[in-house]
PDB file of all heavy atoms in Angstrom:
ATOM      1  N   TYR A   1      -8.644   0.083   9.865  1.00  0.00           N
ATOM      2  CA  TYR A   1      -7.811  -0.811   9.055  1.00  0.00           C
ATOM      3  C   TYR A   1      -7.556  -0.079   7.805  1.00  0.00           C
ATOM      4  O   TYR A   1      -8.492   0.441   7.051  1.00  0.00           O
ATOM      5  CB  TYR A   1      -8.698  -2.141   8.927  1.00  0.00           C
ATOM      6  CG  TYR A   1      -8.204  -3.121   7.848  1.00  0.00           C
ATOM      7  CD1 TYR A   1      -7.354  -4.174   8.208  1.00  0.00           C
ATOM      8  CD2 TYR A   1      -8.232  -2.818   6.457  1.00  0.00           C
ATOM      9  CE1 TYR A   1      -6.951  -5.093   7.325  1.00  0.00           C
ATOM     10  CE2 TYR A   1      -7.772  -3.679   5.467  1.00  0.00           C
ATOM     11  CZ  TYR A   1      -7.009  -4.843   5.921  1.00  0.00           C
ATOM     12  OH  TYR A   1      -6.538  -5.730   4.945  1.00  0.00           O
ATOM     13  N   ILE A   2      -6.244  -0.025   7.394  1.00  0.00           N
ATOM     14  CA  ILE A   2      -5.839   0.611   6.244  1.00  0.00           C
ATOM     15  C   ILE A   2      -5.083  -0.302   5.305  1.00  0.00           C
ATOM     16  O   ILE A   2      -4.240  -0.907   5.834  1.00  0.00           O
ATOM     17  CB  ILE A   2      -5.105   1.922   6.462  1.00  0.00           C
ATOM     18  CG1 ILE A   2      -5.853   2.920   7.407  1.00  0.00           C
ATOM     19  CG2 ILE A   2      -4.738   2.671   5.196  1.00  0.00           C
ATOM     20  CD1 ILE A   2      -5.078   4.120   7.869  1.00  0.00           C
ATOM     21  N   GLY A   3      -5.506  -0.361   4.012  1.00  0.00           N
ATOM     22  CA  GLY A   3      -4.788  -1.295   3.066  1.00  0.00           C
ATOM     23  C   GLY A   3      -4.737  -0.678   1.794  1.00  0.00           C
ATOM     24  O   GLY A   3      -5.328   0.243   1.348  1.00  0.00           O
ATOM     25  N   ALA A   4      -3.832  -1.449   0.922  1.00  0.00           N
ATOM     26  CA  ALA A   4      -3.634  -0.929  -0.506  1.00  0.00           C
ATOM     27  C   ALA A   4      -4.264  -1.947  -1.506  1.00  0.00           C
ATOM     28  O   ALA A   4      -4.237  -3.140  -1.149  1.00  0.00           O
ATOM     29  CB  ALA A   4      -2.188  -0.792  -0.774  1.00  0.00           C
ATOM     30  N   MET A   5      -4.678  -1.505  -2.625  1.00  0.00           N
ATOM     31  CA  MET A   5      -5.336  -2.377  -3.556  1.00  0.00           C
ATOM     32  C   MET A   5      -4.310  -2.828  -4.722  1.00  0.00           C
ATOM     33  O   MET A   5      -4.463  -3.602  -5.451  1.00  0.00           O
ATOM     34  CB  MET A   5      -6.564  -1.805  -4.200  1.00  0.00           C
ATOM     35  CG  MET A   5      -7.693  -1.653  -3.145  1.00  0.00           C
ATOM     36  SD  MET A   5      -9.245  -1.148  -3.973  1.00  0.00           S
ATOM     37  CE  MET A   5      -9.710  -2.773  -4.932  1.00  0.00           C
ATOM     38  N   ASP A   6      -3.157  -1.945  -4.738  1.00  0.00           N
ATOM     39  CA  ASP A   6      -2.119  -2.416  -5.652  1.00  0.00           C
ATOM     40  C   ASP A   6      -0.806  -1.911  -5.080  1.00  0.00           C
ATOM     41  O   ASP A   6      -0.721  -1.138  -4.121  1.00  0.00           O
ATOM     42  CB  ASP A   6      -2.296  -1.715  -6.997  1.00  0.00           C
ATOM     43  CG  ASP A   6      -2.619  -0.292  -6.914  1.00  0.00           C
ATOM     44  OD1 ASP A   6      -1.749   0.478  -6.387  1.00  0.00           O
ATOM     45  OD2 ASP A   6      -3.614   0.240  -7.424  1.00  0.00           O
ATOM     46  N   GLU A   7       0.288  -2.517  -5.733  1.00  0.00           N
ATOM     47  CA  GLU A   7       1.584  -2.230  -5.152  1.00  0.00           C
ATOM     48  C   GLU A   7       1.981  -0.871  -5.041  1.00  0.00           C
ATOM     49  O   GLU A   7       2.805  -0.468  -4.099  1.00  0.00           O
ATOM     50  CB  GLU A   7       2.579  -2.955  -6.081  1.00  0.00           C
ATOM     51  CG  GLU A   7       4.086  -3.175  -5.315  1.00  0.00           C
ATOM     52  CD  GLU A   7       4.000  -4.242  -4.248  1.00  0.00           C
ATOM     53  OE1 GLU A   7       3.300  -5.249  -4.235  1.00  0.00           O
ATOM     54  OE2 GLU A   7       4.657  -3.912  -3.170  1.00  0.00           O
ATOM     55  N   GLN A   8       1.580  -0.029  -5.907  1.00  0.00           N
ATOM     56  CA  GLN A   8       1.994   1.357  -6.017  1.00  0.00           C
ATOM     57  C   GLN A   8       1.534   2.208  -4.878  1.00  0.00           C
ATOM     58  O   GLN A   8       2.055   3.166  -4.522  1.00  0.00           O
ATOM     59  CB  GLN A   8       1.574   2.061  -7.373  1.00  0.00           C
ATOM     60  CG  GLN A   8       2.185   1.548  -8.618  1.00  0.00           C
ATOM     61  CD  GLN A   8       1.887   0.178  -8.971  1.00  0.00           C
ATOM     62  OE1 GLN A   8       0.673  -0.290  -8.786  1.00  0.00           O
ATOM     63  NE2 GLN A   8       2.785  -0.611  -9.699  1.00  0.00           N
ATOM     64  N   ALA A   9       0.406   1.622  -4.151  1.00  0.00           N
ATOM     65  CA  ALA A   9      -0.200   2.393  -3.184  1.00  0.00           C
ATOM     66  C   ALA A   9       0.316   1.970  -1.812  1.00  0.00           C
ATOM     67  O   ALA A   9       0.007   2.704  -0.750  1.00  0.00           O
ATOM     68  CB  ALA A   9      -1.850   2.145  -3.138  1.00  0.00           C
ATOM     69  N   VAL A  10       1.301   1.106  -1.729  1.00  0.00           N
ATOM     70  CA  VAL A  10       1.535   0.606  -0.397  1.00  0.00           C
ATOM     71  C   VAL A  10       2.366   1.608   0.376  1.00  0.00           C
ATOM     72  O   VAL A  10       2.058   1.855   1.576  1.00  0.00           O
ATOM     73  CB  VAL A  10       2.455  -0.679  -0.577  1.00  0.00           C
ATOM     74  CG1 VAL A  10       3.138  -1.070   0.770  1.00  0.00           C
ATOM     75  CG2 VAL A  10       1.638  -1.851  -1.069  1.00  0.00           C
ATOM     76  N   ASN A  11       3.205   2.313  -0.304  1.00  0.00           N
ATOM     77  CA  ASN A  11       4.046   3.449   0.509  1.00  0.00           C
ATOM     78  C   ASN A  11       3.167   4.383   0.985  1.00  0.00           C
ATOM     79  O   ASN A  11       3.531   4.932   2.066  1.00  0.00           O
ATOM     80  CB  ASN A  11       5.103   4.021  -0.558  1.00  0.00           C
ATOM     81  CG  ASN A  11       6.240   3.037  -0.825  1.00  0.00           C
ATOM     82  OD1 ASN A  11       6.539   2.096  -0.002  1.00  0.00           O
ATOM     83  ND2 ASN A  11       7.028   3.206  -1.908  1.00  0.00           N
ATOM     84  N   LEU A  12       2.222   4.728   0.212  1.00  0.00           N
ATOM     85  CA  LEU A  12       1.266   5.820   0.736  1.00  0.00           C
ATOM     86  C   LEU A  12       0.401   5.374   1.897  1.00  0.00           C
ATOM     87  O   LEU A  12       0.230   6.100   2.791  1.00  0.00           O
ATOM     88  CB  LEU A  12       0.240   6.307  -0.510  1.00  0.00           C
ATOM     89  CG  LEU A  12      -0.715   7.346  -0.190  1.00  0.00           C
ATOM     90  CD1 LEU A  12      -0.106   8.576   0.331  1.00  0.00           C
ATOM     91  CD2 LEU A  12      -1.601   7.617  -1.375  1.00  0.00           C
ATOM     92  N   VAL A  13      -0.044   4.145   1.774  1.00  0.00           N
ATOM     93  CA  VAL A  13      -0.685   3.500   2.927  1.00  0.00           C
ATOM     94  C   VAL A  13       0.133   3.548   4.216  1.00  0.00           C
ATOM     95  O   VAL A  13      -0.413   3.939   5.249  1.00  0.00           O
ATOM     96  CB  VAL A  13      -1.182   2.088   2.618  1.00  0.00           C
ATOM     97  CG1 VAL A  13      -1.552   1.293   3.808  1.00  0.00           C
ATOM     98  CG2 VAL A  13      -2.357   1.975   1.573  1.00  0.00           C
ATOM     99  N   VAL A  14       1.400   3.145   4.156  1.00  0.00           N
ATOM    100  CA  VAL A  14       2.199   3.168   5.334  1.00  0.00           C
ATOM    101  C   VAL A  14       2.388   4.598   5.846  1.00  0.00           C
ATOM    102  O   VAL A  14       2.392   4.796   7.073  1.00  0.00           O
ATOM    103  CB  VAL A  14       3.606   2.456   4.941  1.00  0.00           C
ATOM    104  CG1 VAL A  14       4.636   2.725   6.105  1.00  0.00           C
ATOM    105  CG2 VAL A  14       3.462   1.102   4.596  1.00  0.00           C
ATOM    106  N   GLU A  15       2.626   5.560   4.894  1.00  0.00           N
ATOM    107  CA  GLU A  15       2.682   7.044   5.391  1.00  0.00           C
ATOM    108  C   GLU A  15       1.466   7.463   6.048  1.00  0.00           C
ATOM    109  O   GLU A  15       1.571   8.075   7.152  1.00  0.00           O
ATOM    110  CB  GLU A  15       3.016   7.832   4.048  1.00  0.00           C
ATOM    111  CG  GLU A  15       3.138   9.326   4.400  1.00  0.00           C
ATOM    112  CD  GLU A  15       3.381  10.207   3.158  1.00  0.00           C
ATOM    113  OE1 GLU A  15       3.688   9.617   2.060  1.00  0.00           O
ATOM    114  OE2 GLU A  15       3.058  11.385   3.205  1.00  0.00           O
ATOM    115  N   ILE A  16       0.336   7.184   5.466  1.00  0.00           N
ATOM    116  CA  ILE A  16      -0.996   7.638   6.118  1.00  0.00           C
ATOM    117  C   ILE A  16      -1.081   6.878   7.508  1.00  0.00           C
ATOM    118  O   ILE A  16      -1.577   7.490   8.434  1.00  0.00           O
ATOM    119  CB  ILE A  16      -2.142   7.225   5.193  1.00  0.00           C
ATOM    120  CG1 ILE A  16      -1.991   8.089   3.905  1.00  0.00           C
ATOM    121  CG2 ILE A  16      -3.398   7.446   5.904  1.00  0.00           C
ATOM    122  CD1 ILE A  16      -3.002   7.677   2.773  1.00  0.00           C
ATOM    123  N   THR A  17      -0.786   5.563   7.542  1.00  0.00           N
ATOM    124  CA  THR A  17      -0.900   4.830   8.712  1.00  0.00           C
ATOM    125  C   THR A  17      -0.212   5.453   9.873  1.00  0.00           C
ATOM    126  O   THR A  17      -0.549   5.682  11.023  1.00  0.00           O
ATOM    127  CB  THR A  17      -0.548   3.369   8.595  1.00  0.00           C
ATOM    128  OG1 THR A  17      -1.417   2.819   7.621  1.00  0.00           O
ATOM    129  CG2 THR A  17      -0.506   2.600   9.873  1.00  0.00           C
ATOM    130  N   HIS A  18       1.160   5.845   9.651  1.00  0.00           N
ATOM    131  CA  HIS A  18       1.994   6.294  10.520  1.00  0.00           C
ATOM    132  C   HIS A  18       1.419   7.790  11.097  1.00  0.00           C
ATOM    133  O   HIS A  18       1.412   8.025  12.419  1.00  0.00           O
ATOM    134  CB  HIS A  18       3.306   6.709  10.007  1.00  0.00           C
ATOM    135  CG  HIS A  18       4.416   7.424  10.913  1.00  0.00           C
ATOM    136  ND1 HIS A  18       4.817   6.724  12.064  1.00  0.00           N
ATOM    137  CD2 HIS A  18       4.896   8.628  10.827  1.00  0.00           C
ATOM    138  CE1 HIS A  18       5.619   7.663  12.657  1.00  0.00           C
ATOM    139  NE2 HIS A  18       5.663   8.690  11.957  1.00  0.00           N
ATOM    140  N   LYS A  19       0.850   8.560  10.331  1.00  0.00           N
ATOM    141  CA  LYS A  19       0.282   9.875  10.751  1.00  0.00           C
ATOM    142  C   LYS A  19      -1.038   9.533  11.616  1.00  0.00           C
ATOM    143  O   LYS A  19      -1.212  10.202  12.619  1.00  0.00           O
ATOM    144  CB  LYS A  19      -0.056  10.665   9.562  1.00  0.00           C
ATOM    145  CG  LYS A  19       1.160  11.209   8.770  1.00  0.00           C
ATOM    146  CD  LYS A  19       0.771  12.180   7.667  1.00  0.00           C
ATOM    147  CE  LYS A  19       2.007  12.676   6.812  1.00  0.00           C
ATOM    148  NZ  LYS A  19       1.632  13.475   5.638  1.00  0.00           N
ATOM    149  N   LYS A  20      -1.721   8.573  11.131  1.00  0.00           N
ATOM    150  CA  LYS A  20      -3.102   8.338  11.727  1.00  0.00           C
ATOM    151  C   LYS A  20      -2.920   7.751  13.185  1.00  0.00           C
ATOM    152  O   LYS A  20      -3.572   7.981  14.157  1.00  0.00           O
ATOM    153  CB  LYS A  20      -3.863   7.348  10.921  1.00  0.00           C
ATOM    154  CG  LYS A  20      -5.422   7.286  11.365  1.00  0.00           C
ATOM    155  CD  LYS A  20      -6.085   8.638  10.891  1.00  0.00           C
ATOM    156  CE  LYS A  20      -7.506   8.526  11.145  1.00  0.00           C
ATOM    157  NZ  LYS A  20      -8.198   9.850  10.865  1.00  0.00           N
ATOM    158  N   ARG A  21      -1.740   7.028  13.348  1.00  0.00           N
ATOM    159  CA  ARG A  21      -1.518   6.403  14.681  1.00  0.00           C
ATOM    160  C   ARG A  21      -1.102   7.415  15.793  1.00  0.00           C
ATOM    161  O   ARG A  21      -1.031   7.057  16.923  1.00  0.00           O
ATOM    162  CB  ARG A  21      -0.318   5.328  14.507  1.00  0.00           C
ATOM    163  CG  ARG A  21      -0.856   4.001  13.867  1.00  0.00           C
ATOM    164  CD  ARG A  21       0.330   3.043  13.691  1.00  0.00           C
ATOM    165  NE  ARG A  21      -0.175   1.692  13.214  1.00  0.00           N
ATOM    166  CZ  ARG A  21       0.470   0.786  12.692  1.00  0.00           C
ATOM    167  NH1 ARG A  21       1.717   1.024  12.270  1.00  0.00           N
ATOM    168  NH2 ARG A  21      -0.104  -0.391  12.275  1.00  0.00           N
ATOM    169  N   SER A  22      -0.857   8.541  15.352  1.00  0.00           N
ATOM    170  CA  SER A  22      -0.546   9.604  16.426  1.00  0.00           C
ATOM    171  C   SER A  22      -1.824   9.895  17.226  1.00  0.00           C
ATOM    172  O   SER A  22      -1.667  10.287  18.380  1.00  0.00           O
ATOM    173  CB  SER A  22      -0.097  10.853  15.759  1.00  0.00           C
ATOM    174  OG  SER A  22      -1.139  11.433  14.977  1.00  0.00           O
ATOM    175  N   THR A  23      -2.921   9.513  16.827  1.00  0.00           N
ATOM    176  CA  THR A  23      -4.123   9.753  17.513  1.00  0.00           C
ATOM    177  C   THR A  23      -5.161   8.592  17.522  1.00  0.00           C
ATOM    178  O   THR A  23      -6.014   8.538  18.474  1.00  0.00           O
ATOM    179  CB  THR A  23      -5.017  10.979  16.929  1.00  0.00           C
ATOM    180  OG1 THR A  23      -5.280  10.687  15.575  1.00  0.00           O
ATOM    181  CG2 THR A  23      -4.159  12.244  17.044  1.00  0.00           C
ATOM    182  N   LYS A  24      -5.028   7.596  16.616  1.00  0.00           N
ATOM    183  CA  LYS A  24      -5.867   6.487  16.576  1.00  0.00           C
ATOM    184  C   LYS A  24      -5.240   5.194  16.522  1.00  0.00           C
ATOM    185  O   LYS A  24      -4.089   5.053  16.224  1.00  0.00           O
ATOM    186  CB  LYS A  24      -6.676   6.709  15.206  1.00  0.00           C
ATOM    187  CG  LYS A  24      -7.536   7.994  15.184  1.00  0.00           C
ATOM    188  CD  LYS A  24      -8.673   8.180  16.247  1.00  0.00           C
ATOM    189  CE  LYS A  24      -9.363   9.399  16.083  1.00  0.00           C
ATOM    190  NZ  LYS A  24     -10.456   9.541  16.968  1.00  0.00           N
ATOM    191  N   GLN A  25      -6.030   4.135  16.869  1.00  0.00           N
ATOM    192  CA  GLN A  25      -5.607   2.660  16.674  1.00  0.00           C
ATOM    193  C   GLN A  25      -5.732   2.361  15.269  1.00  0.00           C
ATOM    194  O   GLN A  25      -6.757   2.463  14.726  1.00  0.00           O
ATOM    195  CB  GLN A  25      -6.395   1.880  17.671  1.00  0.00           C
ATOM    196  CG  GLN A  25      -6.070   0.394  17.422  1.00  0.00           C
ATOM    197  CD  GLN A  25      -7.185  -0.420  18.210  1.00  0.00           C
ATOM    198  OE1 GLN A  25      -7.687  -0.112  19.173  1.00  0.00           O
ATOM    199  NE2 GLN A  25      -7.333  -1.718  17.731  1.00  0.00           N
ATOM    200  N   VAL A  26      -4.703   1.844  14.651  1.00  0.00           N
ATOM    201  CA  VAL A  26      -4.623   1.570  13.225  1.00  0.00           C
ATOM    202  C   VAL A  26      -3.974   0.154  12.934  1.00  0.00           C
ATOM    203  O   VAL A  26      -2.899  -0.016  13.559  1.00  0.00           O
ATOM    204  CB  VAL A  26      -3.898   2.661  12.362  1.00  0.00           C
ATOM    205  CG1 VAL A  26      -4.075   2.305  10.873  1.00  0.00           C
ATOM    206  CG2 VAL A  26      -4.542   3.947  12.639  1.00  0.00           C
ATOM    207  N   THR A  27      -4.641  -0.688  12.238  1.00  0.00           N
ATOM    208  CA  THR A  27      -4.114  -1.920  11.701  1.00  0.00           C
ATOM    209  C   THR A  27      -3.738  -1.606  10.262  1.00  0.00           C
ATOM    210  O   THR A  27      -4.576  -1.208   9.450  1.00  0.00           O
ATOM    211  CB  THR A  27      -5.006  -3.080  11.869  1.00  0.00           C
ATOM    212  OG1 THR A  27      -5.214  -3.387  13.213  1.00  0.00           O
ATOM    213  CG2 THR A  27      -4.301  -4.375  11.201  1.00  0.00           C
ATOM    214  N   CYS A  28      -2.381  -1.965   9.826  1.00  0.00           N
ATOM    215  CA  CYS A  28      -1.986  -1.740   8.479  1.00  0.00           C
ATOM    216  C   CYS A  28      -1.751  -2.919   7.802  1.00  0.00           C
ATOM    217  O   CYS A  28      -1.044  -3.812   8.219  1.00  0.00           O
ATOM    218  CB  CYS A  28      -0.681  -0.890   8.569  1.00  0.00           C
ATOM    219  SG  CYS A  28      -0.121  -0.331   6.843  1.00  0.00           S
ATOM    220  N   GLU A  29      -2.323  -3.140   6.631  1.00  0.00           N
ATOM    221  CA  GLU A  29      -2.040  -4.356   5.776  1.00  0.00           C
ATOM    222  C   GLU A  29      -1.079  -3.951   4.602  1.00  0.00           C
ATOM    223  O   GLU A  29      -1.372  -3.079   3.754  1.00  0.00           O
ATOM    224  CB  GLU A  29      -3.364  -4.781   5.265  1.00  0.00           C
ATOM    225  CG  GLU A  29      -3.174  -5.996   4.234  1.00  0.00           C
ATOM    226  CD  GLU A  29      -2.360  -7.148   4.783  1.00  0.00           C
ATOM    227  OE1 GLU A  29      -2.896  -7.793   5.691  1.00  0.00           O
ATOM    228  OE2 GLU A  29      -1.283  -7.389   4.288  1.00  0.00           O
ATOM    229  N   TYR A  30       0.093  -4.512   4.640  1.00  0.00           N
ATOM    230  CA  TYR A  30       1.147  -4.166   3.658  1.00  0.00           C
ATOM    231  C   TYR A  30       0.936  -4.827   2.265  1.00  0.00           C
ATOM    232  O   TYR A  30       1.355  -4.329   1.239  1.00  0.00           O
ATOM    233  CB  TYR A  30       2.500  -4.492   4.185  1.00  0.00           C
ATOM    234  CG  TYR A  30       2.865  -4.025   5.565  1.00  0.00           C
ATOM    235  CD1 TYR A  30       3.149  -4.789   6.676  1.00  0.00           C
ATOM    236  CD2 TYR A  30       2.786  -2.550   5.878  1.00  0.00           C
ATOM    237  CE1 TYR A  30       3.404  -4.365   7.848  1.00  0.00           C
ATOM    238  CE2 TYR A  30       3.066  -2.078   7.085  1.00  0.00           C
ATOM    239  CZ  TYR A  30       3.323  -3.054   8.103  1.00  0.00           C
ATOM    240  OH  TYR A  30       3.624  -2.567   9.259  1.00  0.00           O
ATOM    241  N   LYS A  31       0.266  -5.999   2.342  1.00  0.00           N
ATOM    242  CA  LYS A  31       0.084  -6.744   1.086  1.00  0.00           C
ATOM    243  C   LYS A  31      -1.075  -6.155   0.234  1.00  0.00           C
ATOM    244  O   LYS A  31      -2.191  -6.074   0.799  1.00  0.00           O
ATOM    245  CB  LYS A  31      -0.049  -8.168   1.382  1.00  0.00           C
ATOM    246  CG  LYS A  31      -0.196  -9.189   0.222  1.00  0.00           C
ATOM    247  CD  LYS A  31      -0.249 -10.585   0.577  1.00  0.00           C
ATOM    248  CE  LYS A  31      -0.243 -11.498  -0.625  1.00  0.00           C
ATOM    249  NZ  LYS A  31      -0.399 -12.847  -0.231  1.00  0.00           N
ATOM    250  N   PRO A  32      -0.894  -5.960  -0.954  1.00  0.00           N
ATOM    251  CA  PRO A  32      -2.040  -5.449  -1.816  1.00  0.00           C
ATOM    252  C   PRO A  32      -3.191  -6.539  -1.910  1.00  0.00           C
ATOM    253  O   PRO A  32      -2.849  -7.700  -2.113  1.00  0.00           O
ATOM    254  CB  PRO A  32      -1.390  -5.118  -3.243  1.00  0.00           C
ATOM    255  CG  PRO A  32       0.039  -4.984  -2.935  1.00  0.00           C
ATOM    256  CD  PRO A  32       0.389  -5.771  -1.721  1.00  0.00           C
ATOM    257  N   LYS A  33      -4.361  -6.161  -1.810  1.00  0.00           N
ATOM    258  CA  LYS A  33      -5.488  -7.013  -1.897  1.00  0.00           C
ATOM    259  C   LYS A  33      -6.651  -6.409  -2.606  1.00  0.00           C
ATOM    260  O   LYS A  33      -6.748  -5.223  -2.675  1.00  0.00           O
ATOM    261  CB  LYS A  33      -5.899  -7.629  -0.452  1.00  0.00           C
ATOM    262  CG  LYS A  33      -4.862  -8.435   0.240  1.00  0.00           C
ATOM    263  CD  LYS A  33      -5.336  -8.685   1.591  1.00  0.00           C
ATOM    264  CE  LYS A  33      -4.322  -9.532   2.343  1.00  0.00           C
ATOM    265  NZ  LYS A  33      -4.836 -10.000   3.794  1.00  0.00           N
ATOM    266  N   ASN A  34      -7.645  -7.269  -2.991  1.00  0.00           N
ATOM    267  CA  ASN A  34      -8.830  -6.638  -3.462  1.00  0.00           C
ATOM    268  C   ASN A  34      -9.736  -6.164  -2.468  1.00  0.00           C
ATOM    269  O   ASN A  34      -9.451  -6.612  -1.243  1.00  0.00           O
ATOM    270  CB  ASN A  34      -9.571  -7.660  -4.400  1.00  0.00           C
ATOM    271  CG  ASN A  34      -9.967  -8.967  -3.740  1.00  0.00           C
ATOM    272  OD1 ASN A  34     -10.284  -8.970  -2.611  1.00  0.00           O
ATOM    273  ND2 ASN A  34      -9.924 -10.033  -4.458  1.00  0.00           N
ATOM    274  N   LEU A  35     -10.861  -5.585  -2.698  1.00  0.00           N
ATOM    275  CA  LEU A  35     -11.587  -4.823  -1.702  1.00  0.00           C
ATOM    276  C   LEU A  35     -12.417  -5.848  -0.848  1.00  0.00           C
ATOM    277  O   LEU A  35     -12.386  -5.757   0.497  1.00  0.00           O
ATOM    278  CB  LEU A  35     -12.826  -3.960  -2.349  1.00  0.00           C
ATOM    279  CG  LEU A  35     -13.738  -3.306  -1.426  1.00  0.00           C
ATOM    280  CD1 LEU A  35     -12.929  -2.440  -0.431  1.00  0.00           C
ATOM    281  CD2 LEU A  35     -14.733  -2.519  -2.148  1.00  0.00           C
ATOM    282  N   LYS A  36     -12.800  -7.015  -1.466  1.00  0.00           N
ATOM    283  CA  LYS A  36     -13.424  -8.050  -0.537  1.00  0.00           C
ATOM    284  C   LYS A  36     -12.541  -8.618   0.500  1.00  0.00           C
ATOM    285  O   LYS A  36     -12.929  -8.783   1.622  1.00  0.00           O
ATOM    286  CB  LYS A  36     -13.864  -9.207  -1.558  1.00  0.00           C
ATOM    287  CG  LYS A  36     -14.551 -10.347  -0.780  1.00  0.00           C
ATOM    288  CD  LYS A  36     -15.068 -11.392  -1.887  1.00  0.00           C
ATOM    289  CE  LYS A  36     -15.705 -12.502  -1.067  1.00  0.00           C
ATOM    290  NZ  LYS A  36     -16.144 -13.546  -1.901  1.00  0.00           N
ATOM    291  N   ASN A  37     -11.277  -8.791   0.177  1.00  0.00           N
ATOM    292  CA  ASN A  37     -10.283  -9.374   1.123  1.00  0.00           C
ATOM    293  C   ASN A  37      -9.935  -8.391   2.215  1.00  0.00           C
ATOM    294  O   ASN A  37      -9.567  -8.732   3.379  1.00  0.00           O
ATOM    295  CB  ASN A  37      -9.088 -10.013   0.501  1.00  0.00           C
ATOM    296  CG  ASN A  37      -9.309 -11.288  -0.312  1.00  0.00           C
ATOM    297  OD1 ASN A  37     -10.165 -12.009   0.224  1.00  0.00           O
ATOM    298  ND2 ASN A  37      -8.705 -11.492  -1.338  1.00  0.00           N
ATOM    299  N   HIS A  38      -9.910  -7.011   1.800  1.00  0.00           N
ATOM    300  CA  HIS A  38      -9.540  -6.049   2.706  1.00  0.00           C
ATOM    301  C   HIS A  38     -10.712  -5.921   3.750  1.00  0.00           C
ATOM    302  O   HIS A  38     -10.525  -5.759   4.960  1.00  0.00           O
ATOM    303  CB  HIS A  38      -9.316  -4.649   2.097  1.00  0.00           C
ATOM    304  CG  HIS A  38      -7.941  -4.546   1.651  1.00  0.00           C
ATOM    305  ND1 HIS A  38      -6.819  -4.737   2.315  1.00  0.00           N
ATOM    306  CD2 HIS A  38      -7.534  -4.064   0.425  1.00  0.00           C
ATOM    307  CE1 HIS A  38      -5.755  -4.509   1.733  1.00  0.00           C
ATOM    308  NE2 HIS A  38      -6.104  -4.082   0.403  1.00  0.00           N
ATOM    309  N   LEU A  39     -11.962  -5.997   3.283  1.00  0.00           N
ATOM    310  CA  LEU A  39     -13.109  -6.035   4.210  1.00  0.00           C
ATOM    311  C   LEU A  39     -13.084  -7.240   5.201  1.00  0.00           C
ATOM    312  O   LEU A  39     -13.419  -7.077   6.422  1.00  0.00           O
ATOM    313  CB  LEU A  39     -14.476  -6.103   3.432  1.00  0.00           C
ATOM    314  CG  LEU A  39     -14.692  -4.820   2.744  1.00  0.00           C
ATOM    315  CD1 LEU A  39     -15.967  -4.964   1.712  1.00  0.00           C
ATOM    316  CD2 LEU A  39     -15.091  -3.691   3.714  1.00  0.00           C
ATOM    317  N   LYS A  40     -12.549  -8.347   4.716  1.00  0.00           N
ATOM    318  CA  LYS A  40     -12.470  -9.621   5.652  1.00  0.00           C
ATOM    319  C   LYS A  40     -11.395  -9.276   6.623  1.00  0.00           C
ATOM    320  O   LYS A  40     -11.543  -9.641   7.830  1.00  0.00           O
ATOM    321  CB  LYS A  40     -12.103 -10.845   4.797  1.00  0.00           C
ATOM    322  CG  LYS A  40     -13.230 -11.399   3.954  1.00  0.00           C
ATOM    323  CD  LYS A  40     -12.835 -12.596   3.163  1.00  0.00           C
ATOM    324  CE  LYS A  40     -13.995 -13.237   2.341  1.00  0.00           C
ATOM    325  NZ  LYS A  40     -13.464 -14.489   1.764  1.00  0.00           N
ATOM    326  N   GLY A  41     -10.355  -8.659   6.224  1.00  0.00           N
ATOM    327  CA  GLY A  41      -9.220  -8.285   7.067  1.00  0.00           C
ATOM    328  C   GLY A  41      -9.607  -7.431   8.154  1.00  0.00           C
ATOM    329  O   GLY A  41      -9.290  -7.626   9.362  1.00  0.00           O
ATOM    330  N   ALA A  42     -10.381  -6.323   7.955  1.00  0.00           N
ATOM    331  CA  ALA A  42     -10.892  -5.360   8.736  1.00  0.00           C
ATOM    332  C   ALA A  42     -11.906  -5.985   9.823  1.00  0.00           C
ATOM    333  O   ALA A  42     -11.873  -5.721  11.002  1.00  0.00           O
ATOM    334  CB  ALA A  42     -11.522  -4.261   8.051  1.00  0.00           C
ATOM    335  N   ASP A  43     -12.692  -6.972   9.278  1.00  0.00           N
ATOM    336  CA  ASP A  43     -13.599  -7.638  10.174  1.00  0.00           C
ATOM    337  C   ASP A  43     -12.922  -8.568  11.166  1.00  0.00           C
ATOM    338  O   ASP A  43     -13.184  -8.662  12.369  1.00  0.00           O
ATOM    339  CB  ASP A  43     -14.524  -8.490   9.357  1.00  0.00           C
ATOM    340  CG  ASP A  43     -15.726  -8.880  10.088  1.00  0.00           C
ATOM    341  OD1 ASP A  43     -16.466  -8.127  10.622  1.00  0.00           O
ATOM    342  OD2 ASP A  43     -15.930 -10.137  10.096  1.00  0.00           O
TER     343      ASP A  43
END
């Protein structure tokens, strides 16, 4: 599960997700969230 904590990181998250999906299963969260909510999303 890959996510961004602020708006400026979203593009980088999408780029990393695309590369990672060449070998791994990845869920990408486009909406910036705090760490606690990202952990809930991954769970």
